[in-house]
Amino acid sequence: MPTIICRYALLLILPIAQGSAFATDAHEQSQLSLILQQLDTIERLATRAEVVSNAEPDERYQFDYLRLSQDIQRISQGVQGYLSPSRAHPHDPGELVGDYRLDTLPAGPSP
């Protein structure tokens, strides 16, 4: 399920981002606003997926919904900052983590 969310996110965002590179300012702003709406939708889908996930606490790997949410918020803030800058566009050297798998420790001692 989490992989499907990530795939949908990429399918929704990449064509829009590529198309807006050649766009006029008004068209670019509308496309970026659409990206913000889609990011909001993706975040809501991820929240729902987290609620209905049936991951057991003793599973070795779990999807890191918190990290996904933080990355989506970071992207949204970057787009919003571009659309309504308070001053000249700053350079943000931070990077997205991108690794959404949590390693959980075994509950008991290993044999």
PDB file of N, CA and C in Angstrom:
ATOM      1  N   MET A   1       0.813  -1.197   0.000  1.00  0.00           N
ATOM      2  CA  MET A   1       0.000   0.000   0.000  1.00  0.00           C
ATOM      3  C   MET A   1       0.860   1.267   0.000  1.00  0.00           C
ATOM      4  N   PRO A   2       1.902   1.374   0.881  1.00  0.00           N
ATOM      5  CA  PRO A   2       2.729   2.581   0.867  1.00  0.00           C
ATOM      6  C   PRO A   2       3.441   2.787  -0.464  1.00  0.00           C
ATOM      7  N   THR A   3       3.849   1.708  -1.109  1.00  0.00           N
ATOM      8  CA  THR A   3       4.525   1.830  -2.389  1.00  0.00           C
ATOM      9  C   THR A   3       3.580   2.413  -3.431  1.00  0.00           C
ATOM     10  N   ILE A   4       2.327   2.034  -3.352  1.00  0.00           N
ATOM     11  CA  ILE A   4       1.342   2.551  -4.289  1.00  0.00           C
ATOM     12  C   ILE A   4       1.187   4.052  -4.099  1.00  0.00           C
ATOM     13  N   ILE A   5       1.182   4.511  -2.859  1.00  0.00           N
ATOM     14  CA  ILE A   5       1.049   5.944  -2.581  1.00  0.00           C
ATOM     15  C   ILE A   5       2.219   6.704  -3.198  1.00  0.00           C
ATOM     16  N   CYS A   6       3.418   6.185  -3.021  1.00  0.00           N
ATOM     17  CA  CYS A   6       4.600   6.850  -3.571  1.00  0.00           C
ATOM     18  C   CYS A   6       4.547   6.883  -5.099  1.00  0.00           C
ATOM     19  N   ARG A   7       4.102   5.794  -5.701  1.00  0.00           N
ATOM     20  CA  ARG A   7       4.005   5.759  -7.166  1.00  0.00           C
ATOM     21  C   ARG A   7       2.996   6.773  -7.668  1.00  0.00           C
ATOM     22  N   TYR A   8       1.828   6.849  -6.991  1.00  0.00           N
ATOM     23  CA  TYR A   8       0.832   7.835  -7.387  1.00  0.00           C
ATOM     24  C   TYR A   8       1.368   9.246  -7.233  1.00  0.00           C
ATOM     25  N   ALA A   9       2.102   9.475  -6.172  1.00  0.00           N
ATOM     26  CA  ALA A   9       2.676  10.795  -5.947  1.00  0.00           C
ATOM     27  C   ALA A   9       3.594  11.192  -7.103  1.00  0.00           C
ATOM     28  N   LEU A  10       4.451  10.281  -7.494  1.00  0.00           N
ATOM     29  CA  LEU A  10       5.363  10.569  -8.600  1.00  0.00           C
ATOM     30  C   LEU A  10       4.611  10.755  -9.910  1.00  0.00           C
ATOM     31  N   LEU A  11       3.601   9.925 -10.141  1.00  0.00           N
ATOM     32  CA  LEU A  11       2.814  10.043 -11.365  1.00  0.00           C
ATOM     33  C   LEU A  11       2.077  11.374 -11.436  1.00  0.00           C
ATOM     34  N   LEU A  12       1.654  11.887 -10.296  1.00  0.00           N
ATOM     35  CA  LEU A  12       0.934  13.146 -10.281  1.00  0.00           C
ATOM     36  C   LEU A  12       1.857  14.351 -10.394  1.00  0.00           C
ATOM     37  N   ILE A  13       3.007  14.279  -9.758  1.00  0.00           N
ATOM     38  CA  ILE A  13       3.864  15.458  -9.655  1.00  0.00           C
ATOM     39  C   ILE A  13       4.814  15.624 -10.847  1.00  0.00           C
ATOM     40  N   LEU A  14       5.416  14.546 -11.305  1.00  0.00           N
ATOM     41  CA  LEU A  14       6.450  14.678 -12.339  1.00  0.00           C
ATOM     42  C   LEU A  14       5.963  15.309 -13.642  1.00  0.00           C
ATOM     43  N   PRO A  15       4.850  14.879 -14.222  1.00  0.00           N
ATOM     44  CA  PRO A  15       4.437  15.526 -15.476  1.00  0.00           C
ATOM     45  C   PRO A  15       4.138  17.007 -15.302  1.00  0.00           C
ATOM     46  N   ILE A  16       3.585  17.374 -14.181  1.00  0.00           N
ATOM     47  CA  ILE A  16       3.264  18.779 -13.945  1.00  0.00           C
ATOM     48  C   ILE A  16       4.536  19.587 -13.788  1.00  0.00           C
ATOM     49  N   ALA A  17       5.487  19.045 -13.036  1.00  0.00           N
ATOM     50  CA  ALA A  17       6.744  19.761 -12.825  1.00  0.00           C
ATOM     51  C   ALA A  17       7.504  19.927 -14.137  1.00  0.00           C
ATOM     52  N   GLN A  18       7.490  18.905 -14.994  1.00  0.00           N
ATOM     53  CA  GLN A  18       8.181  19.007 -16.270  1.00  0.00           C
ATOM     54  C   GLN A  18       7.506  20.026 -17.178  1.00  0.00           C
ATOM     55  N   GLY A  19       6.193  20.005 -17.210  1.00  0.00           N
ATOM     56  CA  GLY A  19       5.451  20.913 -18.075  1.00  0.00           C
ATOM     57  C   GLY A  19       5.580  22.361 -17.650  1.00  0.00           C
ATOM     58  N   SER A  20       5.711  22.612 -16.365  1.00  0.00           N
ATOM     59  CA  SER A  20       5.756  23.995 -15.899  1.00  0.00           C
ATOM     60  C   SER A  20       7.094  24.668 -16.191  1.00  0.00           C
ATOM     61  N   ALA A  21       8.111  23.900 -16.551  1.00  0.00           N
ATOM     62  CA  ALA A  21       9.415  24.494 -16.830  1.00  0.00           C
ATOM     63  C   ALA A  21       9.373  25.392 -18.058  1.00  0.00           C
ATOM     64  N   PHE A  22       8.452  25.150 -18.977  1.00  0.00           N
ATOM     65  CA  PHE A  22       8.365  25.929 -20.212  1.00  0.00           C
ATOM     66  C   PHE A  22       7.164  26.877 -20.198  1.00  0.00           C
ATOM     67  N   ALA A  23       6.567  27.054 -19.054  1.00  0.00           N
ATOM     68  CA  ALA A  23       5.309  27.786 -18.977  1.00  0.00           C
ATOM     69  C   ALA A  23       5.519  29.269 -18.716  1.00  0.00           C
ATOM     70  N   THR A  24       4.450  30.016 -18.972  1.00  0.00           N
ATOM     71  CA  THR A  24       4.464  31.433 -18.614  1.00  0.00           C
ATOM     72  C   THR A  24       4.252  31.556 -17.113  1.00  0.00           C
ATOM     73  N   ASP A  25       4.451  32.760 -16.587  1.00  0.00           N
ATOM     74  CA  ASP A  25       4.344  32.958 -15.140  1.00  0.00           C
ATOM     75  C   ASP A  25       2.970  32.588 -14.595  1.00  0.00           C
ATOM     76  N   ALA A  26       1.894  33.033 -15.228  1.00  0.00           N
ATOM     77  CA  ALA A  26       0.547  32.740 -14.729  1.00  0.00           C
ATOM     78  C   ALA A  26       0.267  31.244 -14.810  1.00  0.00           C
ATOM     79  N   HIS A  27       0.673  30.632 -15.911  1.00  0.00           N
ATOM     80  CA  HIS A  27       0.451  29.194 -16.062  1.00  0.00           C
ATOM     81  C   HIS A  27       1.295  28.415 -15.063  1.00  0.00           C
ATOM     82  N   GLU A  28       2.514  28.869 -14.861  1.00  0.00           N
ATOM     83  CA  GLU A  28       3.387  28.215 -13.893  1.00  0.00           C
ATOM     84  C   GLU A  28       2.794  28.297 -12.490  1.00  0.00           C
ATOM     85  N   GLN A  29       2.266  29.438 -12.126  1.00  0.00           N
ATOM     86  CA  GLN A  29       1.661  29.593 -10.803  1.00  0.00           C
ATOM     87  C   GLN A  29       0.459  28.672 -10.634  1.00  0.00           C
ATOM     88  N   SER A  30      -0.351  28.545 -11.664  1.00  0.00           N
ATOM     89  CA  SER A  30      -1.507  27.656 -11.551  1.00  0.00           C
ATOM     90  C   SER A  30      -1.060  26.200 -11.448  1.00  0.00           C
ATOM     91  N   GLN A  31      -0.015  25.832 -12.165  1.00  0.00           N
ATOM     92  CA  GLN A  31       0.494  24.466 -12.087  1.00  0.00           C
ATOM     93  C   GLN A  31       1.097  24.174 -10.712  1.00  0.00           C
ATOM     94  N   LEU A  32       1.833  25.125 -10.171  1.00  0.00           N
ATOM     95  CA  LEU A  32       2.408  24.943  -8.846  1.00  0.00           C
ATOM     96  C   LEU A  32       1.324  24.886  -7.776  1.00  0.00           C
ATOM     97  N   SER A  33       0.267  25.654  -7.954  1.00  0.00           N
ATOM     98  CA  SER A  33      -0.867  25.572  -7.026  1.00  0.00           C
ATOM     99  C   SER A  33      -1.513  24.197  -7.103  1.00  0.00           C
ATOM    100  N   LEU A  34      -1.601  23.651  -8.290  1.00  0.00           N
ATOM    101  CA  LEU A  34      -2.140  22.306  -8.465  1.00  0.00           C
ATOM    102  C   LEU A  34      -1.246  21.273  -7.780  1.00  0.00           C
ATOM    103  N   ILE A  35       0.054  21.452  -7.869  1.00  0.00           N
ATOM    104  CA  ILE A  35       0.990  20.561  -7.174  1.00  0.00           C
ATOM    105  C   ILE A  35       0.750  20.621  -5.674  1.00  0.00           C
ATOM    106  N   LEU A  36       0.540  21.807  -5.132  1.00  0.00           N
ATOM    107  CA  LEU A  36       0.262  21.934  -3.703  1.00  0.00           C
ATOM    108  C   LEU A  36      -1.008  21.183  -3.314  1.00  0.00           C
ATOM    109  N   GLN A  37      -2.036  21.284  -4.145  1.00  0.00           N
ATOM    110  CA  GLN A  37      -3.278  20.551  -3.876  1.00  0.00           C
ATOM    111  C   GLN A  37      -3.038  19.046  -3.908  1.00  0.00           C
ATOM    112  N   GLN A  38      -2.250  18.597  -4.870  1.00  0.00           N
ATOM    113  CA  GLN A  38      -1.981  17.165  -4.991  1.00  0.00           C
ATOM    114  C   GLN A  38      -1.120  16.664  -3.828  1.00  0.00           C
ATOM    115  N   LEU A  39      -0.179  17.482  -3.384  1.00  0.00           N
ATOM    116  CA  LEU A  39       0.613  17.095  -2.216  1.00  0.00           C
ATOM    117  C   LEU A  39      -0.266  16.967  -0.978  1.00  0.00           C
ATOM    118  N   ASP A  40      -1.235  17.871  -0.852  1.00  0.00           N
ATOM    119  CA  ASP A  40      -2.173  17.782   0.257  1.00  0.00           C
ATOM    120  C   ASP A  40      -2.983  16.487   0.171  1.00  0.00           C
ATOM    121  N   THR A  41      -3.409  16.135  -1.027  1.00  0.00           N
ATOM    122  CA  THR A  41      -4.148  14.887  -1.235  1.00  0.00           C
ATOM    123  C   THR A  41      -3.283  13.686  -0.891  1.00  0.00           C
ATOM    124  N   ILE A  42      -2.051  13.712  -1.312  1.00  0.00           N
ATOM    125  CA  ILE A  42      -1.135  12.606  -1.028  1.00  0.00           C
ATOM    126  C   ILE A  42      -0.918  12.469   0.477  1.00  0.00           C
ATOM    127  N   GLU A  43      -0.785  13.598   1.148  1.00  0.00           N
ATOM    128  CA  GLU A  43      -0.588  13.537   2.600  1.00  0.00           C
ATOM    129  C   GLU A  43      -1.822  12.952   3.299  1.00  0.00           C
ATOM    130  N   ARG A  44      -3.016  13.337   2.823  1.00  0.00           N
ATOM    131  CA  ARG A  44      -4.237  12.757   3.401  1.00  0.00           C
ATOM    132  C   ARG A  44      -4.312  11.256   3.126  1.00  0.00           C
ATOM    133  N   LEU A  45      -3.922  10.832   1.930  1.00  0.00           N
ATOM    134  CA  LEU A  45      -3.911   9.398   1.609  1.00  0.00           C
ATOM    135  C   LEU A  45      -2.927   8.642   2.502  1.00  0.00           C
ATOM    136  N   ALA A  46      -1.784   9.228   2.727  1.00  0.00           N
ATOM    137  CA  ALA A  46      -0.785   8.587   3.586  1.00  0.00           C
ATOM    138  C   ALA A  46      -1.291   8.486   5.016  1.00  0.00           C
ATOM    139  N   THR A  47      -2.000   9.514   5.477  1.00  0.00           N
ATOM    140  CA  THR A  47      -2.560   9.478   6.829  1.00  0.00           C
ATOM    141  C   THR A  47      -3.589   8.365   6.944  1.00  0.00           C
ATOM    142  N   ARG A  48      -4.437   8.243   5.935  1.00  0.00           N
ATOM    143  CA  ARG A  48      -5.425   7.153   5.934  1.00  0.00           C
ATOM    144  C   ARG A  48      -4.734   5.797   5.902  1.00  0.00           C
ATOM    145  N   ALA A  49      -3.705   5.676   5.073  1.00  0.00           N
ATOM    146  CA  ALA A  49      -2.983   4.404   4.980  1.00  0.00           C
ATOM    147  C   ALA A  49      -2.352   4.043   6.314  1.00  0.00           C
ATOM    148  N   GLU A  50      -1.840   5.041   7.013  1.00  0.00           N
ATOM    149  CA  GLU A  50      -1.233   4.785   8.324  1.00  0.00           C
ATOM    150  C   GLU A  50      -2.286   4.297   9.321  1.00  0.00           C
ATOM    151  N   VAL A  51      -3.468   4.889   9.268  1.00  0.00           N
ATOM    152  CA  VAL A  51      -4.528   4.514  10.196  1.00  0.00           C
ATOM    153  C   VAL A  51      -4.985   3.079   9.959  1.00  0.00           C
ATOM    154  N   VAL A  52      -5.101   2.694   8.691  1.00  0.00           N
ATOM    155  CA  VAL A  52      -5.619   1.358   8.393  1.00  0.00           C
ATOM    156  C   VAL A  52      -4.520   0.306   8.249  1.00  0.00           C
ATOM    157  N   SER A  53      -3.268   0.727   8.359  1.00  0.00           N
ATOM    158  CA  SER A  53      -2.187  -0.252   8.208  1.00  0.00           C
ATOM    159  C   SER A  53      -2.286  -1.287   9.319  1.00  0.00           C
ATOM    160  N   ASN A  54      -1.999  -2.491   8.941  1.00  0.00           N
ATOM    161  CA  ASN A  54      -2.075  -3.588   9.911  1.00  0.00           C
ATOM    162  C   ASN A  54      -0.685  -4.096  10.249  1.00  0.00           C
ATOM    163  N   ALA A  55       0.274  -3.173  10.281  1.00  0.00           N
ATOM    164  CA  ALA A  55       1.650  -3.547  10.597  1.00  0.00           C
ATOM    165  C   ALA A  55       1.733  -3.960  12.061  1.00  0.00           C
ATOM    166  N   GLU A  56       2.301  -5.088  12.278  1.00  0.00           N
ATOM    167  CA  GLU A  56       2.499  -5.586  13.634  1.00  0.00           C
ATOM    168  C   GLU A  56       3.748  -4.937  14.218  1.00  0.00           C
ATOM    169  N   PRO A  57       3.751  -4.643  15.513  1.00  0.00           N
ATOM    170  CA  PRO A  57       4.916  -3.990  16.118  1.00  0.00           C
ATOM    171  C   PRO A  57       6.186  -4.834  16.066  1.00  0.00           C
ATOM    172  N   ASP A  58       6.042  -6.142  15.893  1.00  0.00           N
ATOM    173  CA  ASP A  58       7.242  -6.985  15.876  1.00  0.00           C
ATOM    174  C   ASP A  58       7.748  -7.268  14.460  1.00  0.00           C
ATOM    175  N   GLU A  59       7.137  -6.643  13.440  1.00  0.00           N
ATOM    176  CA  GLU A  59       7.644  -6.806  12.081  1.00  0.00           C
ATOM    177  C   GLU A  59       8.985  -6.101  11.953  1.00  0.00           C
ATOM    178  N   ARG A  60       9.858  -6.665  11.132  1.00  0.00           N
ATOM    179  CA  ARG A  60      11.196  -6.086  11.001  1.00  0.00           C
ATOM    180  C   ARG A  60      11.160  -4.716  10.319  1.00  0.00           C
ATOM    181  N   TYR A  61      10.357  -4.587   9.287  1.00  0.00           N
ATOM    182  CA  TYR A  61      10.283  -3.321   8.560  1.00  0.00           C
ATOM    183  C   TYR A  61       8.869  -2.768   8.624  1.00  0.00           C
ATOM    184  N   GLN A  62       8.793  -1.471   8.800  1.00  0.00           N
ATOM    185  CA  GLN A  62       7.527  -0.765   8.764  1.00  0.00           C
ATOM    186  C   GLN A  62       7.722   0.490   7.932  1.00  0.00           C
ATOM    187  N   PHE A  63       6.641   0.962   7.335  1.00  0.00           N
ATOM    188  CA  PHE A  63       6.714   2.181   6.545  1.00  0.00           C
ATOM    189  C   PHE A  63       6.794   3.375   7.484  1.00  0.00           C
ATOM    190  N   ASP A  64       7.683   4.303   7.196  1.00  0.00           N
ATOM    191  CA  ASP A  64       7.897   5.479   8.039  1.00  0.00           C
ATOM    192  C   ASP A  64       6.999   6.622   7.552  1.00  0.00           C
ATOM    193  N   TYR A  65       5.759   6.616   8.045  1.00  0.00           N
ATOM    194  CA  TYR A  65       4.788   7.628   7.642  1.00  0.00           C
ATOM    195  C   TYR A  65       5.191   9.021   8.121  1.00  0.00           C
ATOM    196  N   LEU A  66       5.806   9.108   9.275  1.00  0.00           N
ATOM    197  CA  LEU A  66       6.233  10.408   9.787  1.00  0.00           C
ATOM    198  C   LEU A  66       7.248  11.058   8.848  1.00  0.00           C
ATOM    199  N   ARG A  67       8.214  10.287   8.399  1.00  0.00           N
ATOM    200  CA  ARG A  67       9.244  10.837   7.497  1.00  0.00           C
ATOM    201  C   ARG A  67       8.626  11.251   6.159  1.00  0.00           C
ATOM    202  N   LEU A  68       7.688  10.445   5.654  1.00  0.00           N
ATOM    203  CA  LEU A  68       7.000  10.804   4.412  1.00  0.00           C
ATOM    204  C   LEU A  68       6.263  12.121   4.592  1.00  0.00           C
ATOM    205  N   SER A  69       5.551  12.260   5.693  1.00  0.00           N
ATOM    206  CA  SER A  69       4.804  13.487   5.963  1.00  0.00           C
ATOM    207  C   SER A  69       5.743  14.691   6.055  1.00  0.00           C
ATOM    208  N   GLN A  70       6.871  14.524   6.708  1.00  0.00           N
ATOM    209  CA  GLN A  70       7.832  15.622   6.831  1.00  0.00           C
ATOM    210  C   GLN A  70       8.379  16.028   5.462  1.00  0.00           C
ATOM    211  N   ASP A  71       8.661  15.044   4.604  1.00  0.00           N
ATOM    212  CA  ASP A  71       9.159  15.361   3.263  1.00  0.00           C
ATOM    213  C   ASP A  71       8.096  16.070   2.429  1.00  0.00           C
ATOM    214  N   ILE A  72       6.841  15.626   2.529  1.00  0.00           N
ATOM    215  CA  ILE A  72       5.758  16.274   1.786  1.00  0.00           C
ATOM    216  C   ILE A  72       5.602  17.713   2.269  1.00  0.00           C
ATOM    217  N   GLN A  73       5.664  17.927   3.565  1.00  0.00           N
ATOM    218  CA  GLN A  73       5.559  19.288   4.103  1.00  0.00           C
ATOM    219  C   GLN A  73       6.724  20.149   3.638  1.00  0.00           C
ATOM    220  N   ARG A  74       7.900  19.558   3.577  1.00  0.00           N
ATOM    221  CA  ARG A  74       9.087  20.308   3.130  1.00  0.00           C
ATOM    222  C   ARG A  74       8.932  20.728   1.659  1.00  0.00           C
ATOM    223  N   ILE A  75       8.446  19.829   0.832  1.00  0.00           N
ATOM    224  CA  ILE A  75       8.226  20.162  -0.580  1.00  0.00           C
ATOM    225  C   ILE A  75       7.167  21.250  -0.693  1.00  0.00           C
ATOM    226  N   SER A  76       6.080  21.101   0.063  1.00  0.00           N
ATOM    227  CA  SER A  76       5.001  22.097   0.033  1.00  0.00           C
ATOM    228  C   SER A  76       5.513  23.474   0.449  1.00  0.00           C
ATOM    229  N   GLN A  77       6.309  23.520   1.502  1.00  0.00           N
ATOM    230  CA  GLN A  77       6.857  24.797   1.961  1.00  0.00           C
ATOM    231  C   GLN A  77       7.753  25.420   0.887  1.00  0.00           C
ATOM    232  N   GLY A  78       8.510  24.585   0.193  1.00  0.00           N
ATOM    233  CA  GLY A  78       9.364  25.104  -0.874  1.00  0.00           C
ATOM    234  C   GLY A  78       8.561  25.700  -2.016  1.00  0.00           C
ATOM    235  N   VAL A  79       7.493  25.022  -2.410  1.00  0.00           N
ATOM    236  CA  VAL A  79       6.642  25.542  -3.488  1.00  0.00           C
ATOM    237  C   VAL A  79       5.935  26.808  -3.026  1.00  0.00           C
ATOM    238  N   GLN A  80       5.405  26.796  -1.809  1.00  0.00           N
ATOM    239  CA  GLN A  80       4.734  27.988  -1.281  1.00  0.00           C
ATOM    240  C   GLN A  80       5.714  29.157  -1.165  1.00  0.00           C
ATOM    241  N   GLY A  81       6.926  28.876  -0.746  1.00  0.00           N
ATOM    242  CA  GLY A  81       7.944  29.918  -0.659  1.00  0.00           C
ATOM    243  C   GLY A  81       8.282  30.507  -2.015  1.00  0.00           C
ATOM    244  N   TYR A  82       8.230  29.677  -3.049  1.00  0.00           N
ATOM    245  CA  TYR A  82       8.487  30.162  -4.407  1.00  0.00           C
ATOM    246  C   TYR A  82       7.322  31.025  -4.896  1.00  0.00           C
ATOM    247  N   LEU A  83       6.108  30.578  -4.599  1.00  0.00           N
ATOM    248  CA  LEU A  83       4.927  31.302  -5.077  1.00  0.00           C
ATOM    249  C   LEU A  83       4.751  32.649  -4.378  1.00  0.00           C
ATOM    250  N   SER A  84       5.120  32.736  -3.117  1.00  0.00           N
ATOM    251  CA  SER A  84       4.964  34.003  -2.394  1.00  0.00           C
ATOM    252  C   SER A  84       6.199  34.259  -1.541  1.00  0.00           C
ATOM    253  N   PRO A  85       7.302  34.641  -2.185  1.00  0.00           N
ATOM    254  CA  PRO A  85       8.543  34.884  -1.434  1.00  0.00           C
ATOM    255  C   PRO A  85       8.438  36.171  -0.611  1.00  0.00           C
ATOM    256  N   SER A  86       9.088  36.151   0.542  1.00  0.00           N
ATOM    257  CA  SER A  86       9.112  37.349   1.371  1.00  0.00           C
ATOM    258  C   SER A  86      10.260  38.270   0.950  1.00  0.00           C
ATOM    259  N   ARG A  87      11.212  37.723   0.244  1.00  0.00           N
ATOM    260  CA  ARG A  87      12.364  38.486  -0.265  1.00  0.00           C
ATOM    261  C   ARG A  87      12.965  37.670  -1.407  1.00  0.00           C
ATOM    262  N   ALA A  88      14.181  37.952  -1.777  1.00  0.00           N
ATOM    263  CA  ALA A  88      14.829  37.194  -2.843  1.00  0.00           C
ATOM    264  C   ALA A  88      14.833  35.704  -2.501  1.00  0.00           C
ATOM    265  N   HIS A  89      14.753  34.874  -3.503  1.00  0.00           N
ATOM    266  CA  HIS A  89      14.688  33.428  -3.305  1.00  0.00           C
ATOM    267  C   HIS A  89      15.955  32.912  -2.633  1.00  0.00           C
ATOM    268  N   PRO A  90      15.823  32.371  -1.419  1.00  0.00           N
ATOM    269  CA  PRO A  90      17.004  31.823  -0.737  1.00  0.00           C
ATOM    270  C   PRO A  90      17.334  30.436  -1.265  1.00  0.00           C
ATOM    271  N   HIS A  91      18.574  30.086  -1.121  1.00  0.00           N
ATOM    272  CA  HIS A  91      19.005  28.737  -1.483  1.00  0.00           C
ATOM    273  C   HIS A  91      18.900  27.863  -0.242  1.00  0.00           C
ATOM    274  N   ASP A  92      18.169  26.759  -0.347  1.00  0.00           N
ATOM    275  CA  ASP A  92      17.991  25.848   0.783  1.00  0.00           C
ATOM    276  C   ASP A  92      18.831  24.602   0.531  1.00  0.00           C
ATOM    277  N   PRO A  93      19.912  24.402   1.270  1.00  0.00           N
ATOM    278  CA  PRO A  93      20.801  23.271   1.013  1.00  0.00           C
ATOM    279  C   PRO A  93      20.298  21.941   1.571  1.00  0.00           C
ATOM    280  N   GLY A  94      19.159  21.917   2.276  1.00  0.00           N
ATOM    281  CA  GLY A  94      18.661  20.677   2.877  1.00  0.00           C
ATOM    282  C   GLY A  94      18.249  19.667   1.821  1.00  0.00           C
ATOM    283  N   GLU A  95      18.308  18.422   2.190  1.00  0.00           N
ATOM    284  CA  GLU A  95      17.955  17.349   1.267  1.00  0.00           C
ATOM    285  C   GLU A  95      16.829  16.517   1.849  1.00  0.00           C
ATOM    286  N   LEU A  96      16.039  15.925   0.953  1.00  0.00           N
ATOM    287  CA  LEU A  96      15.017  14.983   1.380  1.00  0.00           C
ATOM    288  C   LEU A  96      15.693  13.684   1.767  1.00  0.00           C
ATOM    289  N   VAL A  97      15.131  13.003   2.729  1.00  0.00           N
ATOM    290  CA  VAL A  97      15.716  11.750   3.185  1.00  0.00           C
ATOM    291  C   VAL A  97      15.395  10.644   2.195  1.00  0.00           C
ATOM    292  N   GLY A  98      14.122  10.446   1.890  1.00  0.00           N
ATOM    293  CA  GLY A  98      13.721   9.494   0.863  1.00  0.00           C
ATOM    294  C   GLY A  98      13.686   8.039   1.282  1.00  0.00           C
ATOM    295  N   ASP A  99      14.193   7.671   2.417  1.00  0.00           N
ATOM    296  CA  ASP A  99      14.177   6.276   2.866  1.00  0.00           C
ATOM    297  C   ASP A  99      13.060   6.142   3.887  1.00  0.00           C
ATOM    298  N   TYR A 100      11.988   5.434   3.513  1.00  0.00           N
ATOM    299  CA  TYR A 100      10.796   5.383   4.350  1.00  0.00           C
ATOM    300  C   TYR A 100      10.601   4.032   5.025  1.00  0.00           C
ATOM    301  N   ARG A 101      11.634   3.259   5.180  1.00  0.00           N
ATOM    302  CA  ARG A 101      11.525   1.963   5.836  1.00  0.00           C
ATOM    303  C   ARG A 101      12.130   2.058   7.223  1.00  0.00           C
ATOM    304  N   LEU A 102      11.348   1.666   8.222  1.00  0.00           N
ATOM    305  CA  LEU A 102      11.836   1.648   9.605  1.00  0.00           C
ATOM    306  C   LEU A 102      12.310   0.249   9.955  1.00  0.00           C
ATOM    307  N   ASP A 103      13.473   0.120  10.510  1.00  0.00           N
ATOM    308  CA  ASP A 103      13.950  -1.150  11.029  1.00  0.00           C
ATOM    309  C   ASP A 103      13.533  -1.237  12.486  1.00  0.00           C
ATOM    310  N   THR A 104      12.791  -2.276  12.819  1.00  0.00           N
ATOM    311  CA  THR A 104      12.372  -2.441  14.202  1.00  0.00           C
ATOM    312  C   THR A 104      13.194  -3.555  14.820  1.00  0.00           C
ATOM    313  N   LEU A 105      13.486  -3.399  16.077  1.00  0.00           N
ATOM    314  CA  LEU A 105      14.290  -4.373  16.785  1.00  0.00           C
ATOM    315  C   LEU A 105      13.428  -5.549  17.194  1.00  0.00           C
ATOM    316  N   PRO A 106      13.967  -6.749  17.221  1.00  0.00           N
ATOM    317  CA  PRO A 106      13.195  -7.900  17.674  1.00  0.00           C
ATOM    318  C   PRO A 106      12.753  -7.713  19.122  1.00  0.00           C
ATOM    319  N   ALA A 107      11.561  -8.262  19.442  1.00  0.00           N
ATOM    320  CA  ALA A 107      11.002  -8.091  20.786  1.00  0.00           C
ATOM    321  C   ALA A 107      11.793  -8.859  21.835  1.00  0.00           C
ATOM    322  N   GLY A 108      12.237 -10.039  21.489  1.00  0.00           N
ATOM    323  CA  GLY A 108      12.943 -10.854  22.469  1.00  0.00           C
ATOM    324  C   GLY A 108      14.385 -11.138  22.055  1.00  0.00           C
ATOM    325  N   PRO A 109      15.128 -11.806  22.922  1.00  0.00           N
ATOM    326  CA  PRO A 109      16.511 -12.125  22.570  1.00  0.00           C
ATOM    327  C   PRO A 109      16.539 -13.179  21.459  1.00  0.00           C
ATOM    328  N   SER A 110      17.525 -13.061  20.592  1.00  0.00           N
ATOM    329  CA  SER A 110      17.634 -14.029  19.513  1.00  0.00           C
ATOM    330  C   SER A 110      18.305 -15.310  20.016  1.00  0.00           C
ATOM    331  N   PRO A 111      17.892 -16.431  19.432  1.00  0.00           N
ATOM    332  CA  PRO A 111      18.438 -17.723  19.893  1.00  0.00           C
ATOM    333  C   PRO A 111      19.880 -17.926  19.539  1.00  0.00           C
TER     334      PRO A 111
END
